[in-house]
PDB file of N, CA and C in Angstrom:
ATOM      1  N   GLN A   1     -29.243 -24.786 -10.236  1.00  0.00           N
ATOM      2  CA  GLN A   1     -28.278 -24.114 -11.056  1.00  0.00           C
ATOM      3  C   GLN A   1     -28.472 -24.086 -12.062  1.00  0.00           C
ATOM      4  N   VAL A   2     -27.982 -23.011 -13.023  1.00  0.00           N
ATOM      5  CA  VAL A   2     -28.272 -22.773 -14.582  1.00  0.00           C
ATOM      6  C   VAL A   2     -26.593 -22.510 -15.071  1.00  0.00           C
ATOM      7  N   HIS A   3     -26.271 -23.230 -15.952  1.00  0.00           N
ATOM      8  CA  HIS A   3     -25.048 -23.150 -16.770  1.00  0.00           C
ATOM      9  C   HIS A   3     -25.044 -22.352 -18.113  1.00  0.00           C
ATOM     10  N   VAL A   4     -24.407 -21.452 -18.106  1.00  0.00           N
ATOM     11  CA  VAL A   4     -24.047 -20.910 -19.399  1.00  0.00           C
ATOM     12  C   VAL A   4     -23.005 -20.626 -20.241  1.00  0.00           C
ATOM     13  N   VAL A   5     -23.200 -21.487 -21.351  1.00  0.00           N
ATOM     14  CA  VAL A   5     -21.953 -21.549 -22.371  1.00  0.00           C
ATOM     15  C   VAL A   5     -22.425 -20.861 -23.454  1.00  0.00           C
ATOM     16  N   ASP A   6     -21.351 -19.733 -23.628  1.00  0.00           N
ATOM     17  CA  ASP A   6     -21.355 -18.950 -24.933  1.00  0.00           C
ATOM     18  C   ASP A   6     -20.092 -19.078 -25.628  1.00  0.00           C
ATOM     19  N   SER A   7     -20.234 -18.911 -27.014  1.00  0.00           N
ATOM     20  CA  SER A   7     -18.840 -19.246 -27.812  1.00  0.00           C
ATOM     21  C   SER A   7     -19.395 -18.775 -29.141  1.00  0.00           C
ATOM     22  N   GLY A   8     -18.287 -18.617 -29.837  1.00  0.00           N
ATOM     23  CA  GLY A   8     -18.208 -18.791 -31.572  1.00  0.00           C
ATOM     24  C   GLY A   8     -17.264 -16.985 -31.882  1.00  0.00           C
ATOM     25  N   GLY A   9     -16.899 -16.568 -31.041  1.00  0.00           N
ATOM     26  CA  GLY A   9     -16.041 -15.349 -31.183  1.00  0.00           C
ATOM     27  C   GLY A   9     -14.868 -15.800 -31.921  1.00  0.00           C
ATOM     28  N   GLY A  10     -14.176 -14.763 -32.290  1.00  0.00           N
ATOM     29  CA  GLY A  10     -12.899 -14.865 -33.367  1.00  0.00           C
ATOM     30  C   GLY A  10     -12.431 -13.739 -33.911  1.00  0.00           C
ATOM     31  N   LEU A  11     -11.179 -13.919 -34.591  1.00  0.00           N
ATOM     32  CA  LEU A  11     -10.946 -12.470 -35.232  1.00  0.00           C
ATOM     33  C   LEU A  11     -11.685 -12.682 -36.921  1.00  0.00           C
ATOM     34  N   VAL A  12     -11.993 -11.543 -37.077  1.00  0.00           N
ATOM     35  CA  VAL A  12     -12.475 -11.803 -38.585  1.00  0.00           C
ATOM     36  C   VAL A  12     -12.027 -10.109 -39.079  1.00  0.00           C
ATOM     37  N   GLN A  13     -11.940 -10.154 -40.131  1.00  0.00           N
ATOM     38  CA  GLN A  13     -11.982  -8.780 -41.269  1.00  0.00           C
ATOM     39  C   GLN A  13     -13.171  -7.749 -41.163  1.00  0.00           C
ATOM     40  N   PRO A  14     -12.812  -6.553 -41.228  1.00  0.00           N
ATOM     41  CA  PRO A  14     -13.911  -5.659 -41.566  1.00  0.00           C
ATOM     42  C   PRO A  14     -14.744  -6.109 -42.551  1.00  0.00           C
ATOM     43  N   GLY A  15     -16.224  -5.817 -42.295  1.00  0.00           N
ATOM     44  CA  GLY A  15     -17.173  -6.416 -43.661  1.00  0.00           C
ATOM     45  C   GLY A  15     -17.127  -7.821 -43.298  1.00  0.00           C
ATOM     46  N   GLY A  16     -16.663  -8.732 -42.429  1.00  0.00           N
ATOM     47  CA  GLY A  16     -17.158 -10.356 -42.337  1.00  0.00           C
ATOM     48  C   GLY A  16     -17.933 -10.585 -41.180  1.00  0.00           C
ATOM     49  N   SER A  17     -18.045 -12.008 -41.275  1.00  0.00           N
ATOM     50  CA  SER A  17     -19.498 -12.498 -40.273  1.00  0.00           C
ATOM     51  C   SER A  17     -18.921 -13.126 -39.170  1.00  0.00           C
ATOM     52  N   LEU A  18     -19.802 -13.225 -38.216  1.00  0.00           N
ATOM     53  CA  LEU A  18     -19.314 -14.559 -37.263  1.00  0.00           C
ATOM     54  C   LEU A  18     -20.874 -14.608 -36.779  1.00  0.00           C
ATOM     55  N   ARG A  19     -21.062 -15.930 -35.875  1.00  0.00           N
ATOM     56  CA  ARG A  19     -22.284 -16.411 -35.544  1.00  0.00           C
ATOM     57  C   ARG A  19     -21.976 -16.646 -33.929  1.00  0.00           C
ATOM     58  N   LEU A  20     -22.467 -16.063 -33.102  1.00  0.00           N
ATOM     59  CA  LEU A  20     -22.367 -16.456 -31.824  1.00  0.00           C
ATOM     60  C   LEU A  20     -23.572 -17.248 -31.202  1.00  0.00           C
ATOM     61  N   SER A  21     -23.019 -18.422 -30.377  1.00  0.00           N
ATOM     62  CA  SER A  21     -23.956 -19.189 -29.573  1.00  0.00           C
ATOM     63  C   SER A  21     -24.130 -19.532 -28.331  1.00  0.00           C
ATOM     64  N   CYS A  22     -24.977 -19.312 -27.766  1.00  0.00           N
ATOM     65  CA  CYS A  22     -24.912 -19.468 -26.403  1.00  0.00           C
ATOM     66  C   CYS A  22     -26.226 -20.247 -25.808  1.00  0.00           C
ATOM     67  N   ARG A  23     -25.975 -21.553 -25.217  1.00  0.00           N
ATOM     68  CA  ARG A  23     -26.936 -22.522 -24.725  1.00  0.00           C
ATOM     69  C   ARG A  23     -26.808 -22.664 -22.839  1.00  0.00           C
ATOM     70  N   ALA A  24     -28.344 -22.568 -22.520  1.00  0.00           N
ATOM     71  CA  ALA A  24     -28.143 -22.897 -21.177  1.00  0.00           C
ATOM     72  C   ALA A  24     -28.696 -23.843 -20.659  1.00  0.00           C
ATOM     73  N   SER A  25     -28.066 -24.525 -19.563  1.00  0.00           N
ATOM     74  CA  SER A  25     -28.560 -25.605 -19.190  1.00  0.00           C
ATOM     75  C   SER A  25     -28.927 -25.781 -17.745  1.00  0.00           C
ATOM     76  N   GLY A  26     -29.372 -27.092 -17.191  1.00  0.00           N
ATOM     77  CA  GLY A  26     -29.584 -27.180 -15.627  1.00  0.00           C
ATOM     78  C   GLY A  26     -31.153 -27.198 -15.381  1.00  0.00           C
ATOM     79  N   SER A  27     -31.177 -26.434 -14.077  1.00  0.00           N
ATOM     80  CA  SER A  27     -32.636 -26.400 -13.599  1.00  0.00           C
ATOM     81  C   SER A  27     -33.410 -25.180 -14.156  1.00  0.00           C
ATOM     82  N   ILE A  28     -34.069 -25.690 -15.334  1.00  0.00           N
ATOM     83  CA  ILE A  28     -34.619 -24.737 -16.017  1.00  0.00           C
ATOM     84  C   ILE A  28     -36.166 -25.056 -16.807  1.00  0.00           C
ATOM     85  N   PHE A  29     -36.976 -24.143 -15.911  1.00  0.00           N
ATOM     86  CA  PHE A  29     -38.316 -24.816 -16.532  1.00  0.00           C
ATOM     87  C   PHE A  29     -39.138 -24.053 -17.533  1.00  0.00           C
ATOM     88  N   SER A  30     -38.339 -22.530 -17.992  1.00  0.00           N
ATOM     89  CA  SER A  30     -38.796 -21.940 -19.043  1.00  0.00           C
ATOM     90  C   SER A  30     -37.705 -20.955 -18.904  1.00  0.00           C
ATOM     91  N   ILE A  31     -37.564 -20.306 -20.060  1.00  0.00           N
ATOM     92  CA  ILE A  31     -36.802 -19.061 -20.336  1.00  0.00           C
ATOM     93  C   ILE A  31     -37.513 -18.097 -20.434  1.00  0.00           C
ATOM     94  N   TYR A  32     -37.229 -16.913 -20.010  1.00  0.00           N
ATOM     95  CA  TYR A  32     -37.738 -15.667 -20.079  1.00  0.00           C
ATOM     96  C   TYR A  32     -37.405 -14.673 -21.094  1.00  0.00           C
ATOM     97  N   PHE A  33     -35.796 -14.670 -20.936  1.00  0.00           N
ATOM     98  CA  PHE A  33     -34.963 -13.743 -21.661  1.00  0.00           C
ATOM     99  C   PHE A  33     -33.607 -14.162 -21.769  1.00  0.00           C
ATOM    100  N   MET A  34     -33.256 -14.189 -23.328  1.00  0.00           N
ATOM    101  CA  MET A  34     -31.933 -14.261 -23.747  1.00  0.00           C
ATOM    102  C   MET A  34     -31.341 -13.009 -24.049  1.00  0.00           C
ATOM    103  N   GLY A  35     -30.051 -12.580 -23.829  1.00  0.00           N
ATOM    104  CA  GLY A  35     -29.715 -11.389 -24.222  1.00  0.00           C
ATOM    105  C   GLY A  35     -28.096 -11.753 -24.696  1.00  0.00           C
ATOM    106  N   TRP A  36     -27.354 -10.715 -25.656  1.00  0.00           N
ATOM    107  CA  TRP A  36     -26.269 -10.740 -25.940  1.00  0.00           C
ATOM    108  C   TRP A  36     -25.965  -9.334 -25.400  1.00  0.00           C
ATOM    109  N   TYR A  37     -24.583  -9.196 -24.464  1.00  0.00           N
ATOM    110  CA  TYR A  37     -24.137  -7.758 -24.222  1.00  0.00           C
ATOM    111  C   TYR A  37     -22.481  -7.690 -24.901  1.00  0.00           C
ATOM    112  N   ARG A  38     -22.143  -6.540 -24.898  1.00  0.00           N
ATOM    113  CA  ARG A  38     -20.534  -6.670 -25.099  1.00  0.00           C
ATOM    114  C   ARG A  38     -19.941  -5.543 -24.186  1.00  0.00           C
ATOM    115  N   GLN A  39     -18.372  -5.783 -24.175  1.00  0.00           N
ATOM    116  CA  GLN A  39     -18.097  -4.764 -23.326  1.00  0.00           C
ATOM    117  C   GLN A  39     -16.539  -4.524 -24.150  1.00  0.00           C
ATOM    118  N   ALA A  40     -16.242  -3.388 -24.383  1.00  0.00           N
ATOM    119  CA  ALA A  40     -14.918  -2.975 -25.063  1.00  0.00           C
ATOM    120  C   ALA A  40     -14.035  -2.548 -23.779  1.00  0.00           C
ATOM    121  N   PRO A  41     -12.736  -2.806 -24.041  1.00  0.00           N
ATOM    122  CA  PRO A  41     -11.986  -2.249 -23.107  1.00  0.00           C
ATOM    123  C   PRO A  41     -12.143  -0.649 -22.767  1.00  0.00           C
ATOM    124  N   GLY A  42     -12.315  -0.064 -21.386  1.00  0.00           N
ATOM    125  CA  GLY A  42     -12.339   0.948 -21.071  1.00  0.00           C
ATOM    126  C   GLY A  42     -13.886   1.520 -21.192  1.00  0.00           C
ATOM    127  N   LYS A  43     -14.730   0.675 -21.689  1.00  0.00           N
ATOM    128  CA  LYS A  43     -16.249   0.708 -21.980  1.00  0.00           C
ATOM    129  C   LYS A  43     -16.909   0.339 -20.776  1.00  0.00           C
ATOM    130  N   GLN A  44     -18.270   1.001 -20.799  1.00  0.00           N
ATOM    131  CA  GLN A  44     -19.283  -0.019 -20.049  1.00  0.00           C
ATOM    132  C   GLN A  44     -20.156  -1.044 -20.648  1.00  0.00           C
ATOM    133  N   ARG A  45     -20.529  -1.997 -20.123  1.00  0.00           N
ATOM    134  CA  ARG A  45     -21.184  -3.028 -20.988  1.00  0.00           C
ATOM    135  C   ARG A  45     -22.499  -2.621 -21.320  1.00  0.00           C
ATOM    136  N   GLU A  46     -22.518  -3.155 -22.396  1.00  0.00           N
ATOM    137  CA  GLU A  46     -24.109  -2.788 -23.408  1.00  0.00           C
ATOM    138  C   GLU A  46     -24.937  -3.992 -24.051  1.00  0.00           C
ATOM    139  N   LEU A  47     -26.002  -3.607 -23.738  1.00  0.00           N
ATOM    140  CA  LEU A  47     -26.796  -4.933 -24.213  1.00  0.00           C
ATOM    141  C   LEU A  47     -26.799  -4.569 -25.674  1.00  0.00           C
ATOM    142  N   VAL A  48     -26.538  -5.536 -26.557  1.00  0.00           N
ATOM    143  CA  VAL A  48     -26.344  -5.280 -27.912  1.00  0.00           C
ATOM    144  C   VAL A  48     -27.612  -6.174 -28.474  1.00  0.00           C
ATOM    145  N   ALA A  49     -28.456  -7.084 -28.038  1.00  0.00           N
ATOM    146  CA  ALA A  49     -29.346  -7.706 -28.824  1.00  0.00           C
ATOM    147  C   ALA A  49     -30.219  -8.704 -27.854  1.00  0.00           C
ATOM    148  N   SER A  50     -31.176  -8.827 -27.977  1.00  0.00           N
ATOM    149  CA  SER A  50     -32.209  -9.723 -26.589  1.00  0.00           C
ATOM    150  C   SER A  50     -33.335 -10.213 -27.140  1.00  0.00           C
ATOM    151  N   ILE A  51     -33.608 -11.617 -27.138  1.00  0.00           N
ATOM    152  CA  ILE A  51     -35.031 -11.879 -27.184  1.00  0.00           C
ATOM    153  C   ILE A  51     -35.860 -12.282 -26.011  1.00  0.00           C
ATOM    154  N   PHE A  52     -37.043 -12.297 -26.080  1.00  0.00           N
ATOM    155  CA  PHE A  52     -37.816 -13.025 -25.176  1.00  0.00           C
ATOM    156  C   PHE A  52     -38.711 -14.286 -26.014  1.00  0.00           C
ATOM    157  N   PHE A  53     -38.501 -15.184 -25.162  1.00  0.00           N
ATOM    158  CA  PHE A  53     -38.416 -16.445 -25.570  1.00  0.00           C
ATOM    159  C   PHE A  53     -40.153 -16.925 -25.919  1.00  0.00           C
ATOM    160  N   SER A  54     -40.693 -16.339 -25.021  1.00  0.00           N
ATOM    161  CA  SER A  54     -42.487 -16.079 -25.283  1.00  0.00           C
ATOM    162  C   SER A  54     -42.606 -15.273 -26.324  1.00  0.00           C
ATOM    163  N   GLY A  55     -43.045 -15.451 -27.468  1.00  0.00           N
ATOM    164  CA  GLY A  55     -43.439 -14.605 -28.328  1.00  0.00           C
ATOM    165  C   GLY A  55     -42.186 -13.883 -29.406  1.00  0.00           C
ATOM    166  N   GLY A  56     -41.245 -14.360 -28.901  1.00  0.00           N
ATOM    167  CA  GLY A  56     -39.686 -13.765 -29.843  1.00  0.00           C
ATOM    168  C   GLY A  56     -39.783 -12.428 -30.087  1.00  0.00           C
ATOM    169  N   SER A  57     -40.030 -11.420 -29.443  1.00  0.00           N
ATOM    170  CA  SER A  57     -39.648 -10.481 -29.509  1.00  0.00           C
ATOM    171  C   SER A  57     -38.242 -10.078 -29.489  1.00  0.00           C
ATOM    172  N   THR A  58     -37.727  -9.269 -30.487  1.00  0.00           N
ATOM    173  CA  THR A  58     -36.460  -8.831 -30.264  1.00  0.00           C
ATOM    174  C   THR A  58     -36.287  -7.312 -30.175  1.00  0.00           C
ATOM    175  N   ASN A  59     -34.908  -7.127 -29.648  1.00  0.00           N
ATOM    176  CA  ASN A  59     -34.554  -5.381 -29.593  1.00  0.00           C
ATOM    177  C   ASN A  59     -33.014  -5.325 -29.760  1.00  0.00           C
ATOM    178  N   TYR A  60     -32.496  -4.632 -30.257  1.00  0.00           N
ATOM    179  CA  TYR A  60     -31.274  -3.992 -30.588  1.00  0.00           C
ATOM    180  C   TYR A  60     -30.818  -2.917 -30.538  1.00  0.00           C
ATOM    181  N   VAL A  61     -29.462  -2.610 -30.286  1.00  0.00           N
ATOM    182  CA  VAL A  61     -28.841  -1.202 -30.147  1.00  0.00           C
ATOM    183  C   VAL A  61     -29.001  -0.955 -31.152  1.00  0.00           C
ATOM    184  N   ASP A  62     -29.174   0.657 -31.375  1.00  0.00           N
ATOM    185  CA  ASP A  62     -28.940   1.238 -32.582  1.00  0.00           C
ATOM    186  C   ASP A  62     -27.663   1.021 -33.724  1.00  0.00           C
ATOM    187  N   SER A  63     -26.545   0.691 -32.890  1.00  0.00           N
ATOM    188  CA  SER A  63     -25.420   0.671 -33.789  1.00  0.00           C
ATOM    189  C   SER A  63     -25.281  -0.862 -34.655  1.00  0.00           C
ATOM    190  N   VAL A  64     -26.220  -1.754 -34.080  1.00  0.00           N
ATOM    191  CA  VAL A  64     -26.144  -3.216 -34.948  1.00  0.00           C
ATOM    192  C   VAL A  64     -27.385  -3.429 -35.931  1.00  0.00           C
ATOM    193  N   LYS A  65     -28.100  -2.408 -35.568  1.00  0.00           N
ATOM    194  CA  LYS A  65     -29.738  -2.550 -36.457  1.00  0.00           C
ATOM    195  C   LYS A  65     -29.454  -3.005 -37.844  1.00  0.00           C
ATOM    196  N   GLY A  66     -29.628  -3.917 -38.482  1.00  0.00           N
ATOM    197  CA  GLY A  66     -29.597  -4.176 -40.100  1.00  0.00           C
ATOM    198  C   GLY A  66     -28.163  -4.811 -40.424  1.00  0.00           C
ATOM    199  N   ARG A  67     -27.388  -5.281 -39.134  1.00  0.00           N
ATOM    200  CA  ARG A  67     -26.647  -6.016 -39.230  1.00  0.00           C
ATOM    201  C   ARG A  67     -26.362  -7.099 -38.533  1.00  0.00           C
ATOM    202  N   PHE A  68     -26.805  -7.019 -37.113  1.00  0.00           N
ATOM    203  CA  PHE A  68     -27.201  -8.232 -36.080  1.00  0.00           C
ATOM    204  C   PHE A  68     -28.641  -8.893 -36.445  1.00  0.00           C
ATOM    205  N   THR A  69     -28.396 -10.248 -36.209  1.00  0.00           N
ATOM    206  CA  THR A  69     -30.005 -10.854 -36.065  1.00  0.00           C
ATOM    207  C   THR A  69     -29.597 -11.825 -34.923  1.00  0.00           C
ATOM    208  N   ILE A  70     -30.495 -11.811 -33.949  1.00  0.00           N
ATOM    209  CA  ILE A  70     -30.599 -12.807 -33.186  1.00  0.00           C
ATOM    210  C   ILE A  70     -32.109 -13.655 -33.319  1.00  0.00           C
ATOM    211  N   SER A  71     -31.789 -14.883 -32.975  1.00  0.00           N
ATOM    212  CA  SER A  71     -32.597 -16.165 -33.027  1.00  0.00           C
ATOM    213  C   SER A  71     -32.560 -16.887 -31.755  1.00  0.00           C
ATOM    214  N   ARG A  72     -33.337 -17.822 -31.755  1.00  0.00           N
ATOM    215  CA  ARG A  72     -33.656 -18.571 -30.895  1.00  0.00           C
ATOM    216  C   ARG A  72     -33.921 -20.247 -31.336  1.00  0.00           C
ATOM    217  N   ASP A  73     -33.653 -21.342 -30.643  1.00  0.00           N
ATOM    218  CA  ASP A  73     -34.150 -22.483 -30.227  1.00  0.00           C
ATOM    219  C   ASP A  73     -34.606 -22.736 -29.168  1.00  0.00           C
ATOM    220  N   ASN A  74     -36.163 -22.860 -28.726  1.00  0.00           N
ATOM    221  CA  ASN A  74     -36.477 -22.856 -27.555  1.00  0.00           C
ATOM    222  C   ASN A  74     -36.084 -24.537 -27.326  1.00  0.00           C
ATOM    223  N   ALA A  75     -36.134 -25.650 -28.169  1.00  0.00           N
ATOM    224  CA  ALA A  75     -35.971 -27.053 -27.623  1.00  0.00           C
ATOM    225  C   ALA A  75     -34.939 -27.153 -26.940  1.00  0.00           C
ATOM    226  N   LYS A  76     -33.484 -26.281 -27.248  1.00  0.00           N
ATOM    227  CA  LYS A  76     -32.603 -26.434 -26.959  1.00  0.00           C
ATOM    228  C   LYS A  76     -32.020 -25.351 -25.964  1.00  0.00           C
ATOM    229  N   ASN A  77     -32.976 -24.184 -25.614  1.00  0.00           N
ATOM    230  CA  ASN A  77     -32.630 -23.527 -24.803  1.00  0.00           C
ATOM    231  C   ASN A  77     -31.266 -22.679 -25.411  1.00  0.00           C
ATOM    232  N   THR A  78     -30.940 -22.145 -26.607  1.00  0.00           N
ATOM    233  CA  THR A  78     -30.050 -21.623 -27.060  1.00  0.00           C
ATOM    234  C   THR A  78     -30.467 -20.490 -28.236  1.00  0.00           C
ATOM    235  N   VAL A  79     -29.680 -19.447 -27.712  1.00  0.00           N
ATOM    236  CA  VAL A  79     -29.489 -18.148 -28.653  1.00  0.00           C
ATOM    237  C   VAL A  79     -28.529 -18.246 -29.593  1.00  0.00           C
ATOM    238  N   TYR A  80     -28.806 -17.437 -30.533  1.00  0.00           N
ATOM    239  CA  TYR A  80     -27.333 -17.144 -31.642  1.00  0.00           C
ATOM    240  C   TYR A  80     -27.630 -15.696 -32.087  1.00  0.00           C
ATOM    241  N   LEU A  81     -26.440 -14.964 -32.335  1.00  0.00           N
ATOM    242  CA  LEU A  81     -26.303 -13.761 -32.618  1.00  0.00           C
ATOM    243  C   LEU A  81     -25.649 -13.476 -33.889  1.00  0.00           C
ATOM    244  N   GLN A  82     -26.367 -13.619 -35.135  1.00  0.00           N
ATOM    245  CA  GLN A  82     -25.452 -13.779 -36.464  1.00  0.00           C
ATOM    246  C   GLN A  82     -25.197 -12.266 -36.591  1.00  0.00           C
ATOM    247  N   MET A  83     -23.678 -11.950 -36.833  1.00  0.00           N
ATOM    248  CA  MET A  83     -23.099 -10.669 -36.978  1.00  0.00           C
ATOM    249  C   MET A  83     -22.744 -10.786 -38.643  1.00  0.00           C
ATOM    250  N   ASN A  84     -23.194  -9.634 -39.266  1.00  0.00           N
ATOM    251  CA  ASN A  84     -22.656  -9.435 -40.484  1.00  0.00           C
ATOM    252  C   ASN A  84     -22.173  -7.964 -40.592  1.00  0.00           C
ATOM    253  N   SER A  85     -21.517  -7.662 -41.511  1.00  0.00           N
ATOM    254  CA  SER A  85     -20.872  -6.503 -42.175  1.00  0.00           C
ATOM    255  C   SER A  85     -20.023  -5.962 -40.853  1.00  0.00           C
ATOM    256  N   LEU A  86     -19.256  -6.755 -39.856  1.00  0.00           N
ATOM    257  CA  LEU A  86     -18.624  -6.395 -38.809  1.00  0.00           C
ATOM    258  C   LEU A  86     -17.899  -5.543 -39.344  1.00  0.00           C
ATOM    259  N   GLU A  87     -17.877  -4.381 -38.090  1.00  0.00           N
ATOM    260  CA  GLU A  87     -16.850  -3.055 -37.854  1.00  0.00           C
ATOM    261  C   GLU A  87     -15.863  -3.343 -36.778  1.00  0.00           C
ATOM    262  N   PRO A  88     -14.363  -2.459 -36.693  1.00  0.00           N
ATOM    263  CA  PRO A  88     -13.769  -2.366 -35.952  1.00  0.00           C
ATOM    264  C   PRO A  88     -14.243  -2.163 -34.752  1.00  0.00           C
ATOM    265  N   GLU A  89     -15.256  -1.423 -34.728  1.00  0.00           N
ATOM    266  CA  GLU A  89     -16.210  -0.811 -33.252  1.00  0.00           C
ATOM    267  C   GLU A  89     -16.858  -2.086 -32.702  1.00  0.00           C
ATOM    268  N   ASP A  90     -17.245  -3.169 -33.659  1.00  0.00           N
ATOM    269  CA  ASP A  90     -17.760  -4.187 -32.661  1.00  0.00           C
ATOM    270  C   ASP A  90     -16.782  -5.222 -31.907  1.00  0.00           C
ATOM    271  N   THR A  91     -15.533  -4.648 -31.938  1.00  0.00           N
ATOM    272  CA  THR A  91     -14.246  -5.715 -31.172  1.00  0.00           C
ATOM    273  C   THR A  91     -14.684  -5.212 -29.757  1.00  0.00           C
ATOM    274  N   ALA A  92     -15.084  -6.564 -29.337  1.00  0.00           N
ATOM    275  CA  ALA A  92     -15.493  -6.433 -27.580  1.00  0.00           C
ATOM    276  C   ALA A  92     -15.336  -8.083 -27.214  1.00  0.00           C
ATOM    277  N   MET A  93     -15.504  -7.968 -25.832  1.00  0.00           N
ATOM    278  CA  MET A  93     -15.761  -8.918 -25.112  1.00  0.00           C
ATOM    279  C   MET A  93     -17.263  -9.119 -25.172  1.00  0.00           C
ATOM    280  N   TYR A  94     -18.214 -10.363 -25.595  1.00  0.00           N
ATOM    281  CA  TYR A  94     -19.717 -10.555 -25.823  1.00  0.00           C
ATOM    282  C   TYR A  94     -19.785 -11.738 -24.540  1.00  0.00           C
ATOM    283  N   TYR A  95     -20.918 -11.083 -24.209  1.00  0.00           N
ATOM    284  CA  TYR A  95     -21.514 -12.141 -23.025  1.00  0.00           C
ATOM    285  C   TYR A  95     -22.973 -12.468 -23.282  1.00  0.00           C
ATOM    286  N   CYS A  96     -23.233 -13.755 -22.848  1.00  0.00           N
ATOM    287  CA  CYS A  96     -24.892 -13.817 -22.934  1.00  0.00           C
ATOM    288  C   CYS A  96     -25.246 -13.965 -21.524  1.00  0.00           C
ATOM    289  N   ASN A  97     -26.597 -13.199 -21.535  1.00  0.00           N
ATOM    290  CA  ASN A  97     -27.237 -13.276 -20.336  1.00  0.00           C
ATOM    291  C   ASN A  97     -28.476 -14.177 -20.374  1.00  0.00           C
ATOM    292  N   VAL A  98     -28.874 -15.157 -19.320  1.00  0.00           N
ATOM    293  CA  VAL A  98     -29.975 -15.674 -19.333  1.00  0.00           C
ATOM    294  C   VAL A  98     -30.907 -15.527 -18.056  1.00  0.00           C
ATOM    295  N   ARG A  99     -32.257 -15.247 -18.531  1.00  0.00           N
ATOM    296  CA  ARG A  99     -33.205 -14.892 -17.612  1.00  0.00           C
ATOM    297  C   ARG A  99     -34.305 -15.591 -17.216  1.00  0.00           C
ATOM    298  N   LEU A 100     -34.723 -15.912 -16.262  1.00  0.00           N
ATOM    299  CA  LEU A 100     -35.588 -17.494 -16.284  1.00  0.00           C
ATOM    300  C   LEU A 100     -36.965 -16.549 -15.934  1.00  0.00           C
ATOM    301  N   ARG A 101     -36.851 -15.388 -15.305  1.00  0.00           N
ATOM    302  CA  ARG A 101     -38.148 -14.270 -14.801  1.00  0.00           C
ATOM    303  C   ARG A 101     -37.527 -12.917 -15.166  1.00  0.00           C
ATOM    304  N   ALA A 102     -38.768 -12.028 -14.961  1.00  0.00           N
ATOM    305  CA  ALA A 102     -38.536 -10.896 -15.490  1.00  0.00           C
ATOM    306  C   ALA A 102     -37.565 -10.074 -14.667  1.00  0.00           C
ATOM    307  N   ALA A 103     -38.070 -10.602 -13.169  1.00  0.00           N
ATOM    308  CA  ALA A 103     -37.202  -9.645 -12.258  1.00  0.00           C
ATOM    309  C   ALA A 103     -35.963 -10.515 -11.773  1.00  0.00           C
ATOM    310  N   SER A 104     -34.803 -10.394 -12.481  1.00  0.00           N
ATOM    311  CA  SER A 104     -33.799 -11.572 -12.265  1.00  0.00           C
ATOM    312  C   SER A 104     -32.649 -10.701 -12.804  1.00  0.00           C
ATOM    313  N   SER A 105     -31.799 -10.895 -12.329  1.00  0.00           N
ATOM    314  CA  SER A 105     -30.450 -10.330 -12.808  1.00  0.00           C
ATOM    315  C   SER A 105     -29.861 -11.778 -14.199  1.00  0.00           C
ATOM    316  N   GLY A 106     -30.291 -12.608 -13.885  1.00  0.00           N
ATOM    317  CA  GLY A 106     -29.958 -13.753 -14.627  1.00  0.00           C
ATOM    318  C   GLY A 106     -28.595 -14.425 -14.396  1.00  0.00           C
ATOM    319  N   TYR A 107     -28.249 -15.306 -15.448  1.00  0.00           N
ATOM    320  CA  TYR A 107     -27.011 -15.978 -15.177  1.00  0.00           C
ATOM    321  C   TYR A 107     -25.890 -15.378 -16.726  1.00  0.00           C
ATOM    322  N   TRP A 108     -24.780 -15.610 -16.342  1.00  0.00           N
ATOM    323  CA  TRP A 108     -23.977 -15.211 -17.381  1.00  0.00           C
ATOM    324  C   TRP A 108     -22.647 -15.871 -17.883  1.00  0.00           C
ATOM    325  N   GLY A 109     -22.710 -16.272 -18.934  1.00  0.00           N
ATOM    326  CA  GLY A 109     -21.590 -17.046 -19.692  1.00  0.00           C
ATOM    327  C   GLY A 109     -20.474 -16.173 -19.392  1.00  0.00           C
ATOM    328  N   GLN A 110     -19.044 -17.178 -20.101  1.00  0.00           N
ATOM    329  CA  GLN A 110     -18.070 -17.076 -19.276  1.00  0.00           C
ATOM    330  C   GLN A 110     -17.585 -15.595 -20.555  1.00  0.00           C
ATOM    331  N   GLY A 111     -18.149 -15.699 -21.529  1.00  0.00           N
ATOM    332  CA  GLY A 111     -17.804 -14.406 -22.500  1.00  0.00           C
ATOM    333  C   GLY A 111     -16.798 -15.346 -23.571  1.00  0.00           C
ATOM    334  N   THR A 112     -16.833 -14.719 -24.681  1.00  0.00           N
ATOM    335  CA  THR A 112     -16.485 -14.643 -26.383  1.00  0.00           C
ATOM    336  C   THR A 112     -15.772 -13.251 -26.887  1.00  0.00           C
ATOM    337  N   GLN A 113     -14.453 -13.780 -27.259  1.00  0.00           N
ATOM    338  CA  GLN A 113     -14.032 -12.319 -27.535  1.00  0.00           C
ATOM    339  C   GLN A 113     -14.253 -12.326 -28.981  1.00  0.00           C
ATOM    340  N   VAL A 114     -14.696 -11.208 -29.807  1.00  0.00           N
ATOM    341  CA  VAL A 114     -14.767 -10.862 -31.180  1.00  0.00           C
ATOM    342  C   VAL A 114     -13.793  -9.689 -31.289  1.00  0.00           C
ATOM    343  N   THR A 115     -12.778  -9.919 -32.502  1.00  0.00           N
ATOM    344  CA  THR A 115     -11.973  -9.149 -32.759  1.00  0.00           C
ATOM    345  C   THR A 115     -11.843  -8.804 -34.408  1.00  0.00           C
ATOM    346  N   VAL A 116     -12.468  -7.365 -34.733  1.00  0.00           N
ATOM    347  CA  VAL A 116     -12.425  -6.922 -36.064  1.00  0.00           C
ATOM    348  C   VAL A 116     -11.394  -6.425 -36.541  1.00  0.00           C
ATOM    349  N   SER A 117     -10.704  -6.677 -37.212  1.00  0.00           N
ATOM    350  CA  SER A 117      -9.297  -6.000 -37.477  1.00  0.00           C
ATOM    351  C   SER A 117      -9.126  -6.549 -39.138  1.00  0.00           C
ATOM    352  N   SER A 118      -7.937  -5.557 -39.618  1.00  0.00           N
ATOM    353  CA  SER A 118      -7.361  -6.113 -40.777  1.00  0.00           C
ATOM    354  C   SER A 118      -6.120  -6.269 -40.789  1.00  0.00           C
TER     355      SER A 118
END
């Protein structure tokens, strides 16, 4: 069993920054992929940023490129999402997804709320 805990959300003014953290624990031999998804009210969940643990390649949705940075700590089975220049449109519940292999839907964190508002 794999347990995923995501944290770091909060209320921030436009232009501000937040750092989200996601840690996976449990029966883990190796991690294939960790990603941050977000879902705003009335919208579909979208993949915001992702990282492949082997090699460290990253991907971002166009709307956050240049503002968000995803990074990992392999030893801690942890991924971070540094979010800068936050905009009201970034307001959403952010969820971490952890996959131990490619053909897997993975495991989800409980979500952490990010609200960008003045």
